[in-house]
N, C-alpha and C. Protein backbone atom coordinates (compact mmCIF):
# COMPACT_ATOMS: atom_id res chain seq x y z
N UNK A 1 -43.67 -53.93 -30.29
CA UNK A 1 -43.65 -53.40 -28.93
C UNK A 1 -42.37 -53.76 -28.21
N UNK A 2 -41.92 -55.05 -28.43
CA UNK A 2 -40.69 -55.45 -27.77
C UNK A 2 -39.51 -54.62 -28.24
N UNK A 3 -39.50 -54.36 -29.56
CA UNK A 3 -38.40 -53.55 -30.13
C UNK A 3 -38.39 -52.16 -29.53
N UNK A 4 -39.57 -51.61 -29.35
CA UNK A 4 -39.68 -50.27 -28.80
C UNK A 4 -39.13 -50.22 -27.37
N UNK A 5 -39.48 -51.26 -26.60
CA UNK A 5 -38.99 -51.30 -25.23
C UNK A 5 -37.49 -51.52 -25.17
N UNK A 6 -36.90 -52.17 -26.17
CA UNK A 6 -35.46 -52.41 -26.20
C UNK A 6 -34.71 -51.11 -26.46
N UNK A 7 -35.26 -50.28 -27.32
CA UNK A 7 -34.59 -49.03 -27.70
C UNK A 7 -34.66 -48.01 -26.56
N UNK A 8 -35.77 -47.89 -25.92
CA UNK A 8 -35.94 -46.85 -24.91
C UNK A 8 -34.98 -46.99 -23.73
N UNK A 9 -34.78 -48.19 -23.17
CA UNK A 9 -33.77 -48.29 -22.11
C UNK A 9 -32.39 -47.90 -22.56
N UNK A 10 -32.06 -48.20 -23.83
CA UNK A 10 -30.73 -47.82 -24.34
C UNK A 10 -30.58 -46.31 -24.36
N UNK A 11 -31.64 -45.64 -24.82
CA UNK A 11 -31.60 -44.18 -24.84
C UNK A 11 -31.51 -43.62 -23.42
N UNK A 12 -32.24 -44.23 -22.52
CA UNK A 12 -32.19 -43.78 -21.13
C UNK A 12 -30.80 -43.92 -20.55
N UNK A 13 -30.13 -45.03 -20.92
CA UNK A 13 -28.76 -45.26 -20.44
C UNK A 13 -27.81 -44.19 -20.97
N UNK A 14 -27.95 -43.86 -22.26
CA UNK A 14 -27.09 -42.83 -22.88
C UNK A 14 -27.30 -41.47 -22.21
N UNK A 15 -28.57 -41.14 -21.98
CA UNK A 15 -28.87 -39.86 -21.32
C UNK A 15 -28.27 -39.81 -19.93
N UNK A 16 -28.40 -40.94 -19.20
CA UNK A 16 -27.85 -41.00 -17.84
C UNK A 16 -26.34 -40.85 -17.85
N UNK A 17 -25.67 -41.52 -18.80
CA UNK A 17 -24.21 -41.42 -18.90
C UNK A 17 -23.79 -39.99 -19.24
N UNK A 18 -24.52 -39.35 -20.17
CA UNK A 18 -24.19 -37.97 -20.54
C UNK A 18 -24.34 -37.03 -19.35
N UNK A 19 -25.40 -37.26 -18.58
CA UNK A 19 -25.62 -36.43 -17.40
C UNK A 19 -24.51 -36.61 -16.40
N UNK A 20 -24.05 -37.84 -16.23
CA UNK A 20 -22.95 -38.10 -15.30
C UNK A 20 -21.67 -37.41 -15.77
N UNK A 21 -21.44 -37.47 -17.08
CA UNK A 21 -20.24 -36.82 -17.62
C UNK A 21 -20.29 -35.33 -17.41
N UNK A 22 -21.46 -34.75 -17.65
CA UNK A 22 -21.60 -33.30 -17.44
C UNK A 22 -21.39 -32.95 -15.99
N UNK A 23 -21.93 -33.83 -15.08
CA UNK A 23 -21.75 -33.57 -13.65
C UNK A 23 -20.28 -33.64 -13.27
N UNK A 24 -19.56 -34.65 -13.83
CA UNK A 24 -18.13 -34.78 -13.55
C UNK A 24 -17.38 -33.56 -14.00
N UNK A 25 -17.71 -33.06 -15.22
CA UNK A 25 -17.03 -31.87 -15.74
C UNK A 25 -17.32 -30.66 -14.87
N UNK A 26 -18.60 -30.55 -14.43
CA UNK A 26 -18.97 -29.44 -13.56
C UNK A 26 -18.21 -29.51 -12.24
N UNK A 27 -18.13 -30.75 -11.67
CA UNK A 27 -17.41 -30.93 -10.42
C UNK A 27 -15.95 -30.56 -10.57
N UNK A 28 -15.34 -30.96 -11.72
CA UNK A 28 -13.93 -30.62 -11.94
C UNK A 28 -13.75 -29.12 -12.04
N UNK A 29 -14.68 -28.45 -12.74
CA UNK A 29 -14.58 -26.99 -12.88
C UNK A 29 -14.69 -26.32 -11.53
N UNK A 30 -15.65 -26.82 -10.72
CA UNK A 30 -15.83 -26.23 -9.39
C UNK A 30 -14.60 -26.47 -8.53
N UNK A 31 -14.07 -27.71 -8.60
CA UNK A 31 -12.88 -28.02 -7.82
C UNK A 31 -11.71 -27.16 -8.24
N UNK A 32 -11.56 -26.95 -9.56
CA UNK A 32 -10.49 -26.09 -10.05
C UNK A 32 -10.63 -24.68 -9.53
N UNK A 33 -11.90 -24.19 -9.52
CA UNK A 33 -12.14 -22.85 -8.99
C UNK A 33 -11.80 -22.78 -7.52
N UNK A 34 -12.13 -23.83 -6.75
CA UNK A 34 -11.82 -23.84 -5.33
C UNK A 34 -10.32 -23.80 -5.09
N UNK A 35 -9.56 -24.52 -5.91
CA UNK A 35 -8.11 -24.54 -5.75
C UNK A 35 -7.55 -23.15 -5.98
N UNK A 36 -8.04 -22.50 -7.05
CA UNK A 36 -7.55 -21.15 -7.34
C UNK A 36 -7.89 -20.20 -6.21
N UNK A 37 -9.12 -20.30 -5.70
CA UNK A 37 -9.54 -19.43 -4.61
C UNK A 37 -8.72 -19.70 -3.36
N UNK A 38 -8.48 -20.96 -3.08
CA UNK A 38 -7.72 -21.29 -1.89
C UNK A 38 -6.28 -20.80 -1.98
N UNK A 39 -5.72 -20.73 -3.18
CA UNK A 39 -4.36 -20.20 -3.33
C UNK A 39 -4.30 -18.75 -2.88
N UNK A 40 -5.41 -18.03 -3.04
CA UNK A 40 -5.44 -16.62 -2.64
C UNK A 40 -5.60 -16.46 -1.13
N UNK A 41 -6.42 -17.28 -0.53
CA UNK A 41 -6.74 -17.04 0.87
C UNK A 41 -5.88 -17.83 1.85
N UNK A 42 -5.05 -18.74 1.36
CA UNK A 42 -4.25 -19.54 2.28
C UNK A 42 -2.76 -19.23 2.19
N UNK A 43 -2.43 -18.10 1.61
CA UNK A 43 -1.01 -17.76 1.46
C UNK A 43 -0.26 -17.70 2.78
N UNK A 44 -0.83 -17.15 3.87
CA UNK A 44 -0.10 -17.13 5.13
C UNK A 44 0.25 -18.53 5.63
N UNK A 45 -0.56 -19.57 5.27
CA UNK A 45 -0.30 -20.91 5.74
C UNK A 45 0.85 -21.56 4.99
N UNK A 46 1.03 -21.21 3.71
CA UNK A 46 2.10 -21.86 2.95
C UNK A 46 3.35 -20.99 2.83
N UNK A 47 3.38 -19.88 3.57
CA UNK A 47 4.59 -19.07 3.62
C UNK A 47 4.73 -18.07 2.49
N UNK A 48 3.75 -18.02 1.59
CA UNK A 48 3.84 -17.06 0.48
C UNK A 48 3.48 -15.66 0.96
N UNK A 49 4.06 -14.65 0.32
CA UNK A 49 3.78 -13.27 0.68
C UNK A 49 2.39 -12.88 0.21
N UNK A 50 1.72 -12.00 0.92
CA UNK A 50 0.38 -11.59 0.55
C UNK A 50 0.37 -10.94 -0.82
N UNK A 51 -0.77 -11.07 -1.49
CA UNK A 51 -0.92 -10.47 -2.81
C UNK A 51 -0.78 -8.96 -2.70
N UNK A 52 -0.13 -8.36 -3.69
CA UNK A 52 0.12 -6.92 -3.67
C UNK A 52 -1.20 -6.15 -3.59
N UNK A 53 -1.21 -5.09 -2.82
CA UNK A 53 -2.38 -4.23 -2.74
C UNK A 53 -1.89 -2.80 -2.54
N UNK A 54 -2.78 -1.85 -2.69
CA UNK A 54 -2.40 -0.45 -2.56
C UNK A 54 -3.21 0.23 -1.46
N UNK A 55 -2.60 1.27 -0.89
CA UNK A 55 -3.25 2.11 0.11
C UNK A 55 -3.26 3.53 -0.43
N UNK A 56 -4.42 4.16 -0.44
CA UNK A 56 -4.53 5.53 -0.92
C UNK A 56 -4.52 6.49 0.26
N UNK A 57 -3.72 7.55 0.13
CA UNK A 57 -3.56 8.53 1.21
C UNK A 57 -4.02 9.89 0.70
N UNK A 58 -4.91 10.51 1.45
CA UNK A 58 -5.43 11.84 1.10
C UNK A 58 -4.63 12.89 1.86
N UNK A 59 -3.87 13.70 1.14
CA UNK A 59 -3.03 14.73 1.75
C UNK A 59 -3.80 16.04 1.85
N UNK A 60 -3.86 16.59 3.09
CA UNK A 60 -4.60 17.83 3.28
C UNK A 60 -3.68 18.92 3.83
N UNK A 61 -3.97 20.17 3.46
CA UNK A 61 -3.16 21.28 3.93
C UNK A 61 -3.68 21.79 5.27
N UNK A 62 -3.06 22.86 5.77
CA UNK A 62 -3.41 23.38 7.10
C UNK A 62 -4.84 23.86 7.19
N UNK A 63 -5.44 24.18 6.05
CA UNK A 63 -6.83 24.64 6.04
C UNK A 63 -7.84 23.51 5.86
N UNK A 64 -7.35 22.28 5.79
CA UNK A 64 -8.23 21.14 5.63
C UNK A 64 -8.58 20.81 4.20
N UNK A 65 -7.97 21.50 3.24
CA UNK A 65 -8.25 21.26 1.83
C UNK A 65 -7.33 20.15 1.30
N UNK A 66 -7.89 19.28 0.49
CA UNK A 66 -7.07 18.24 -0.12
C UNK A 66 -6.11 18.87 -1.11
N UNK A 67 -4.83 18.64 -0.90
CA UNK A 67 -3.80 19.23 -1.76
C UNK A 67 -3.11 18.18 -2.62
N UNK A 68 -3.39 16.90 -2.35
CA UNK A 68 -2.76 15.86 -3.14
C UNK A 68 -3.14 14.47 -2.65
N UNK A 69 -2.63 13.49 -3.34
CA UNK A 69 -2.85 12.09 -2.97
C UNK A 69 -1.54 11.32 -3.12
N UNK A 70 -1.45 10.25 -2.37
CA UNK A 70 -0.31 9.33 -2.49
C UNK A 70 -0.86 7.92 -2.58
N UNK A 71 -0.29 7.14 -3.46
CA UNK A 71 -0.66 5.74 -3.59
C UNK A 71 0.51 4.89 -3.14
N UNK A 72 0.30 4.04 -2.15
CA UNK A 72 1.35 3.18 -1.60
C UNK A 72 1.09 1.75 -2.04
N UNK A 73 2.11 1.11 -2.58
CA UNK A 73 1.97 -0.26 -3.08
C UNK A 73 3.10 -1.13 -2.56
N UNK A 74 2.75 -2.26 -1.99
CA UNK A 74 3.74 -3.22 -1.50
C UNK A 74 4.41 -3.92 -2.68
N UNK A 75 5.77 -3.92 -2.70
CA UNK A 75 6.52 -4.61 -3.73
C UNK A 75 7.63 -5.41 -3.06
N UNK A 76 8.36 -6.20 -3.84
CA UNK A 76 9.46 -6.99 -3.29
C UNK A 76 10.59 -6.09 -2.79
N UNK A 77 10.72 -4.90 -3.35
CA UNK A 77 11.80 -3.98 -2.97
C UNK A 77 11.43 -3.07 -1.81
N UNK A 78 10.17 -3.00 -1.47
CA UNK A 78 9.70 -2.09 -0.43
C UNK A 78 8.35 -1.53 -0.81
N UNK A 79 8.02 -0.36 -0.32
CA UNK A 79 6.74 0.27 -0.62
C UNK A 79 6.94 1.32 -1.71
N UNK A 80 6.30 1.08 -2.86
CA UNK A 80 6.36 2.06 -3.95
C UNK A 80 5.41 3.20 -3.62
N UNK A 81 5.90 4.43 -3.74
CA UNK A 81 5.11 5.62 -3.43
C UNK A 81 4.91 6.42 -4.71
N UNK A 82 3.66 6.66 -5.06
CA UNK A 82 3.32 7.53 -6.19
C UNK A 82 2.57 8.72 -5.61
N UNK A 83 3.11 9.90 -5.79
CA UNK A 83 2.53 11.08 -5.15
C UNK A 83 2.24 12.17 -6.18
N UNK A 84 1.07 12.78 -6.03
CA UNK A 84 0.67 13.92 -6.87
C UNK A 84 0.09 14.98 -5.94
N UNK A 85 0.55 16.22 -6.12
CA UNK A 85 0.04 17.29 -5.25
C UNK A 85 0.06 18.61 -6.01
N UNK A 86 -0.70 19.55 -5.51
CA UNK A 86 -0.77 20.88 -6.12
C UNK A 86 -0.95 21.92 -5.02
N UNK A 87 -0.79 23.17 -5.42
CA UNK A 87 -0.97 24.26 -4.46
C UNK A 87 0.14 24.37 -3.45
N UNK A 88 1.33 23.86 -3.78
CA UNK A 88 2.47 23.91 -2.87
C UNK A 88 3.46 24.99 -3.32
N UNK A 89 4.26 25.52 -2.40
CA UNK A 89 5.29 26.50 -2.77
C UNK A 89 6.34 25.85 -3.69
N UNK A 90 6.83 26.63 -4.62
CA UNK A 90 7.86 26.12 -5.53
C UNK A 90 9.14 25.76 -4.75
N UNK A 91 9.83 24.73 -5.19
CA UNK A 91 11.10 24.36 -4.58
C UNK A 91 11.07 22.96 -3.99
N UNK A 92 12.11 22.65 -3.23
CA UNK A 92 12.25 21.31 -2.65
C UNK A 92 11.61 21.27 -1.26
N UNK A 93 10.96 20.15 -0.98
CA UNK A 93 10.25 19.98 0.28
C UNK A 93 10.55 18.62 0.88
N UNK A 94 10.83 18.62 2.20
CA UNK A 94 11.02 17.36 2.90
C UNK A 94 9.73 16.56 2.90
N UNK A 95 9.89 15.24 2.79
CA UNK A 95 8.76 14.33 2.79
C UNK A 95 9.12 13.14 3.68
N UNK A 96 8.26 12.83 4.64
CA UNK A 96 8.58 11.75 5.57
C UNK A 96 7.32 10.99 5.98
N UNK A 97 7.53 9.72 6.35
CA UNK A 97 6.51 8.98 7.08
C UNK A 97 6.68 9.32 8.56
N UNK A 98 5.59 9.71 9.21
CA UNK A 98 5.64 10.02 10.64
C UNK A 98 4.98 8.92 11.45
N UNK A 99 5.26 8.92 12.75
CA UNK A 99 5.00 7.75 13.59
C UNK A 99 3.56 7.55 14.04
N UNK A 100 2.69 8.54 13.88
CA UNK A 100 1.32 8.41 14.37
C UNK A 100 0.32 8.81 13.29
N UNK A 101 -0.71 8.00 13.14
CA UNK A 101 -1.70 8.24 12.09
C UNK A 101 -2.77 9.24 12.49
N UNK A 102 -2.35 10.44 12.88
CA UNK A 102 -3.28 11.51 13.25
C UNK A 102 -2.78 12.80 12.60
N UNK A 103 -3.64 13.48 11.85
CA UNK A 103 -3.25 14.72 11.17
C UNK A 103 -4.18 15.85 11.61
N UNK A 104 -3.85 16.49 12.72
CA UNK A 104 -4.66 17.58 13.23
C UNK A 104 -4.08 18.91 12.76
N UNK A 105 -4.87 19.64 11.96
CA UNK A 105 -4.45 20.95 11.47
C UNK A 105 -4.47 21.95 12.63
N UNK A 106 -3.71 23.05 12.55
CA UNK A 106 -2.99 23.46 11.34
C UNK A 106 -1.52 23.03 11.26
N UNK A 107 -0.95 22.53 12.38
CA UNK A 107 0.50 22.28 12.36
C UNK A 107 0.87 20.80 12.26
N UNK A 108 -0.11 19.91 12.38
CA UNK A 108 0.10 18.46 12.23
C UNK A 108 1.13 17.87 13.20
N UNK A 109 1.32 18.54 14.32
CA UNK A 109 2.23 17.99 15.33
C UNK A 109 1.71 16.67 15.89
N UNK A 110 0.42 16.43 15.73
CA UNK A 110 -0.20 15.20 16.21
C UNK A 110 0.38 13.95 15.53
N UNK A 111 1.05 14.14 14.39
CA UNK A 111 1.64 13.00 13.68
C UNK A 111 2.93 12.52 14.33
N UNK A 112 3.41 13.23 15.35
CA UNK A 112 4.62 12.82 16.05
C UNK A 112 5.87 13.00 15.20
N UNK A 113 6.94 12.32 15.63
CA UNK A 113 8.21 12.41 14.91
C UNK A 113 8.26 11.46 13.73
N UNK A 114 9.42 11.38 13.11
CA UNK A 114 9.59 10.47 11.98
C UNK A 114 9.37 9.03 12.42
N UNK A 115 8.81 8.22 11.54
CA UNK A 115 8.64 6.80 11.80
C UNK A 115 10.04 6.18 11.89
N UNK A 116 10.38 5.66 13.07
CA UNK A 116 11.76 5.22 13.33
C UNK A 116 11.78 4.01 14.27
N UNK A 117 11.20 2.89 13.83
CA UNK A 117 11.11 1.72 14.73
C UNK A 117 12.46 1.13 15.12
N UNK A 118 13.51 1.39 14.33
CA UNK A 118 14.83 0.83 14.63
C UNK A 118 15.72 1.79 15.42
N UNK A 119 15.18 2.96 15.78
CA UNK A 119 15.92 3.95 16.57
C UNK A 119 17.26 4.32 15.93
N UNK A 120 17.19 4.68 14.66
CA UNK A 120 18.39 5.07 13.91
C UNK A 120 18.46 6.60 13.79
N UNK A 121 19.52 7.09 13.16
CA UNK A 121 19.69 8.53 12.94
C UNK A 121 18.93 8.95 11.67
N UNK A 122 18.66 10.25 11.61
CA UNK A 122 17.97 10.79 10.44
C UNK A 122 18.95 11.01 9.28
N UNK A 123 18.43 10.80 8.07
CA UNK A 123 19.20 11.12 6.87
C UNK A 123 19.45 9.91 5.98
N UNK A 124 19.05 10.02 4.72
CA UNK A 124 19.21 8.91 3.78
C UNK A 124 20.68 8.55 3.56
N UNK A 125 21.59 9.53 3.69
CA UNK A 125 23.02 9.28 3.48
C UNK A 125 23.80 9.33 4.79
N UNK A 126 23.09 9.41 5.90
CA UNK A 126 23.74 9.60 7.19
C UNK A 126 24.26 8.27 7.74
N UNK A 127 25.48 8.28 8.28
CA UNK A 127 26.01 7.10 8.95
C UNK A 127 25.16 6.82 10.18
N UNK A 128 24.74 5.56 10.34
CA UNK A 128 23.84 5.22 11.43
C UNK A 128 22.38 5.48 11.11
N UNK A 129 22.11 5.87 9.87
CA UNK A 129 20.74 6.14 9.45
C UNK A 129 20.36 5.24 8.29
N UNK A 130 19.23 5.48 7.69
CA UNK A 130 18.27 6.55 7.96
C UNK A 130 17.14 6.07 8.86
N UNK A 131 16.22 7.00 9.19
CA UNK A 131 14.95 6.60 9.76
C UNK A 131 14.20 5.78 8.70
N UNK A 132 13.37 4.85 9.15
CA UNK A 132 12.52 4.11 8.20
C UNK A 132 11.62 5.07 7.43
N UNK A 133 11.26 6.19 8.06
CA UNK A 133 10.36 7.15 7.44
C UNK A 133 11.01 8.20 6.57
N UNK A 134 12.34 8.18 6.44
CA UNK A 134 13.02 9.18 5.61
C UNK A 134 12.77 8.90 4.12
N UNK A 135 12.39 9.94 3.39
CA UNK A 135 12.07 9.82 1.97
C UNK A 135 12.78 10.92 1.18
N UNK A 136 12.88 10.75 -0.14
CA UNK A 136 13.51 11.80 -0.96
C UNK A 136 12.70 13.10 -0.92
N UNK A 137 13.38 14.23 -1.12
CA UNK A 137 12.69 15.51 -1.20
C UNK A 137 11.76 15.53 -2.41
N UNK A 138 10.65 16.24 -2.25
CA UNK A 138 9.79 16.53 -3.39
C UNK A 138 10.26 17.82 -4.04
N UNK A 139 10.24 17.88 -5.35
CA UNK A 139 10.61 19.12 -6.04
C UNK A 139 9.38 19.67 -6.76
N UNK A 140 8.85 20.76 -6.24
CA UNK A 140 7.62 21.36 -6.75
C UNK A 140 7.95 22.38 -7.82
N UNK A 141 7.22 22.34 -8.92
CA UNK A 141 7.45 23.25 -10.03
C UNK A 141 6.89 24.65 -9.80
N UNK A 142 7.12 25.52 -10.76
CA UNK A 142 6.65 26.91 -10.67
C UNK A 142 5.14 26.99 -10.55
N UNK A 143 4.45 26.00 -11.10
CA UNK A 143 2.99 26.02 -11.06
C UNK A 143 2.43 25.43 -9.76
N UNK A 144 3.31 25.09 -8.83
CA UNK A 144 2.86 24.57 -7.54
C UNK A 144 2.47 23.11 -7.53
N UNK A 145 2.79 22.40 -8.62
CA UNK A 145 2.43 20.99 -8.69
C UNK A 145 3.67 20.10 -8.63
N UNK A 146 3.46 18.87 -8.22
CA UNK A 146 4.53 17.88 -8.20
C UNK A 146 3.93 16.50 -8.46
N UNK A 147 4.66 15.70 -9.20
CA UNK A 147 4.28 14.31 -9.45
C UNK A 147 5.57 13.49 -9.40
N UNK A 148 5.63 12.54 -8.48
CA UNK A 148 6.88 11.80 -8.29
C UNK A 148 6.57 10.35 -7.93
N UNK A 149 7.57 9.50 -8.12
CA UNK A 149 7.43 8.07 -7.80
C UNK A 149 8.78 7.53 -7.33
N UNK A 150 8.78 6.79 -6.25
CA UNK A 150 10.01 6.20 -5.71
C UNK A 150 9.63 5.04 -4.81
N UNK A 151 10.63 4.28 -4.37
CA UNK A 151 10.39 3.14 -3.49
C UNK A 151 11.03 3.37 -2.13
N UNK A 152 10.24 3.25 -1.08
CA UNK A 152 10.72 3.35 0.30
C UNK A 152 11.11 1.94 0.75
N UNK A 153 12.43 1.69 0.84
CA UNK A 153 12.92 0.33 1.05
C UNK A 153 12.90 -0.12 2.51
N UNK A 154 12.68 0.80 3.45
CA UNK A 154 12.78 0.45 4.87
C UNK A 154 11.43 0.30 5.57
N UNK A 155 10.35 0.27 4.78
CA UNK A 155 9.03 0.10 5.38
C UNK A 155 8.26 -0.96 4.59
N UNK A 156 7.13 -1.37 5.15
CA UNK A 156 6.29 -2.37 4.51
C UNK A 156 4.83 -2.09 4.82
N UNK A 157 3.94 -2.72 4.06
CA UNK A 157 2.52 -2.68 4.36
C UNK A 157 2.04 -3.99 4.98
N UNK A 158 2.98 -4.91 5.23
CA UNK A 158 2.64 -6.16 5.90
C UNK A 158 2.23 -5.86 7.35
N UNK A 159 1.07 -6.33 7.74
CA UNK A 159 0.44 -5.88 8.99
C UNK A 159 1.27 -6.13 10.25
N UNK A 160 1.90 -7.28 10.37
CA UNK A 160 2.54 -7.65 11.64
C UNK A 160 4.03 -7.33 11.72
N UNK A 161 4.58 -6.71 10.70
CA UNK A 161 6.01 -6.39 10.69
C UNK A 161 6.28 -5.17 11.58
N UNK A 162 7.45 -5.14 12.25
CA UNK A 162 7.76 -4.00 13.13
C UNK A 162 7.90 -2.68 12.37
N UNK A 163 8.22 -2.75 11.07
CA UNK A 163 8.36 -1.53 10.27
C UNK A 163 7.14 -1.30 9.38
N UNK A 164 5.98 -1.81 9.81
CA UNK A 164 4.76 -1.67 9.01
C UNK A 164 4.15 -0.28 9.16
N UNK A 165 3.81 0.31 8.03
CA UNK A 165 3.11 1.60 8.05
C UNK A 165 1.68 1.44 8.53
N UNK A 166 1.19 0.20 8.57
CA UNK A 166 -0.18 -0.08 8.98
C UNK A 166 -0.24 -0.62 10.41
N UNK A 167 0.68 -0.18 11.25
CA UNK A 167 0.63 -0.59 12.66
C UNK A 167 -0.66 -0.10 13.30
N UNK A 168 -0.92 -0.56 14.51
CA UNK A 168 -2.21 -0.30 15.15
C UNK A 168 -2.62 1.18 15.16
N UNK A 169 -1.71 2.06 15.50
CA UNK A 169 -2.04 3.48 15.56
C UNK A 169 -1.88 4.19 14.21
N UNK A 170 -1.49 3.42 13.19
CA UNK A 170 -1.29 4.01 11.88
C UNK A 170 -0.04 4.87 11.82
N UNK A 171 0.22 5.43 10.67
CA UNK A 171 1.33 6.38 10.47
C UNK A 171 0.79 7.53 9.63
N UNK A 172 1.66 8.47 9.28
CA UNK A 172 1.22 9.60 8.48
C UNK A 172 2.29 9.95 7.45
N UNK A 173 1.86 10.50 6.35
CA UNK A 173 2.78 11.03 5.33
C UNK A 173 2.72 12.55 5.41
N UNK A 174 3.88 13.17 5.62
CA UNK A 174 3.92 14.62 5.88
C UNK A 174 4.83 15.31 4.87
N UNK A 175 4.34 16.44 4.33
CA UNK A 175 5.15 17.32 3.48
C UNK A 175 5.55 18.53 4.31
N UNK A 176 6.83 18.91 4.24
CA UNK A 176 7.35 20.04 5.02
C UNK A 176 7.54 21.27 4.13
N UNK A 177 7.69 22.40 4.78
CA UNK A 177 7.80 23.67 4.06
C UNK A 177 9.16 23.85 3.38
N UNK A 178 10.20 23.21 3.91
CA UNK A 178 11.54 23.39 3.37
C UNK A 178 12.20 22.08 2.97
N UNK A 179 13.37 22.19 2.42
CA UNK A 179 14.16 21.04 1.98
C UNK A 179 14.75 20.28 3.17
N UNK A 180 14.75 18.96 3.08
CA UNK A 180 15.43 18.12 4.06
C UNK A 180 16.91 18.08 3.67
N UNK A 181 17.81 18.53 4.58
CA UNK A 181 19.23 18.58 4.24
C UNK A 181 19.92 17.21 4.40
N UNK A 182 19.17 16.21 4.89
CA UNK A 182 19.69 14.85 4.96
C UNK A 182 20.67 14.57 6.08
N UNK A 183 20.88 15.53 6.98
CA UNK A 183 21.87 15.31 8.05
C UNK A 183 21.48 15.90 9.40
N UNK A 184 20.80 17.05 9.41
CA UNK A 184 20.46 17.68 10.68
C UNK A 184 19.47 16.81 11.45
N UNK A 185 19.79 16.59 12.73
CA UNK A 185 18.95 15.76 13.58
C UNK A 185 17.91 16.62 14.30
N UNK A 186 16.68 16.16 14.47
CA UNK A 186 16.22 14.82 14.11
C UNK A 186 15.42 14.75 12.82
N UNK A 187 15.29 15.90 12.10
CA UNK A 187 14.35 15.89 10.97
C UNK A 187 14.86 16.60 9.72
N UNK A 188 16.16 16.86 9.64
CA UNK A 188 16.71 17.44 8.42
C UNK A 188 16.48 18.91 8.24
N UNK A 189 16.06 19.61 9.31
CA UNK A 189 15.83 21.05 9.25
C UNK A 189 14.88 21.41 8.10
N UNK A 190 13.82 20.63 7.98
CA UNK A 190 12.93 20.79 6.83
C UNK A 190 11.72 21.68 7.09
N UNK A 191 11.70 22.32 8.25
CA UNK A 191 10.68 23.35 8.48
C UNK A 191 9.33 22.82 8.91
N UNK A 192 8.32 23.70 8.78
CA UNK A 192 6.98 23.40 9.24
C UNK A 192 6.33 22.30 8.39
N UNK A 193 5.31 21.71 8.97
CA UNK A 193 4.54 20.69 8.28
C UNK A 193 3.36 21.36 7.57
N UNK A 194 3.35 21.26 6.25
CA UNK A 194 2.34 22.00 5.49
C UNK A 194 1.26 21.11 4.87
N UNK A 195 1.45 19.81 4.90
CA UNK A 195 0.41 18.89 4.42
C UNK A 195 0.60 17.55 5.12
N UNK A 196 -0.51 16.84 5.32
CA UNK A 196 -0.45 15.60 6.08
C UNK A 196 -1.55 14.65 5.61
N UNK A 197 -1.24 13.36 5.58
CA UNK A 197 -2.21 12.35 5.23
C UNK A 197 -2.09 11.14 6.11
N UNK A 198 -3.20 10.61 6.59
CA UNK A 198 -3.20 9.46 7.50
C UNK A 198 -3.06 8.17 6.71
N UNK A 199 -2.23 7.26 7.21
CA UNK A 199 -2.05 5.94 6.60
C UNK A 199 -2.58 4.90 7.59
N UNK A 200 -3.73 4.29 7.26
CA UNK A 200 -4.34 3.28 8.14
C UNK A 200 -5.01 2.23 7.28
């Protein structure tokens, strides 16, 4: 009986130690998870830039039909724009970020002028320019479709920046009926607005 009582406490001690070890490992795993999570949510406190994210823009024509989409992604160089659209006239078309996030058909004048927080001149190659919202022309094929990708270096998706596309009233992405000549003020003589998408 004495031998039996001697063995059982030893086993109990081993079980208790194993349980403590497992608890320590669990605590370490949880702590490690907390550190990783905190790295994501405390970036503004340590000065790191926010994790990259994308904004999807639904482009609609004058009749209210979706004619394309644009995906905006924050990068170190600026906002990467990936655009796909269909049902557009063949040829080159002006494309700009506009100053107000409202797209009222049929003429989309509600989007205001080009997004221009620095009060510069229009035109990507213009002295004293460009507007922050000036973008390369889209070139639509014979089948009415276009797929393009480029980086807009003068805007951001960072919420509090003066050149943010996500300002309080939002902005808009507008496709025009004609080519932007890159010099005529204030909008490159690019014609009517034929598609518009709200960025908010």
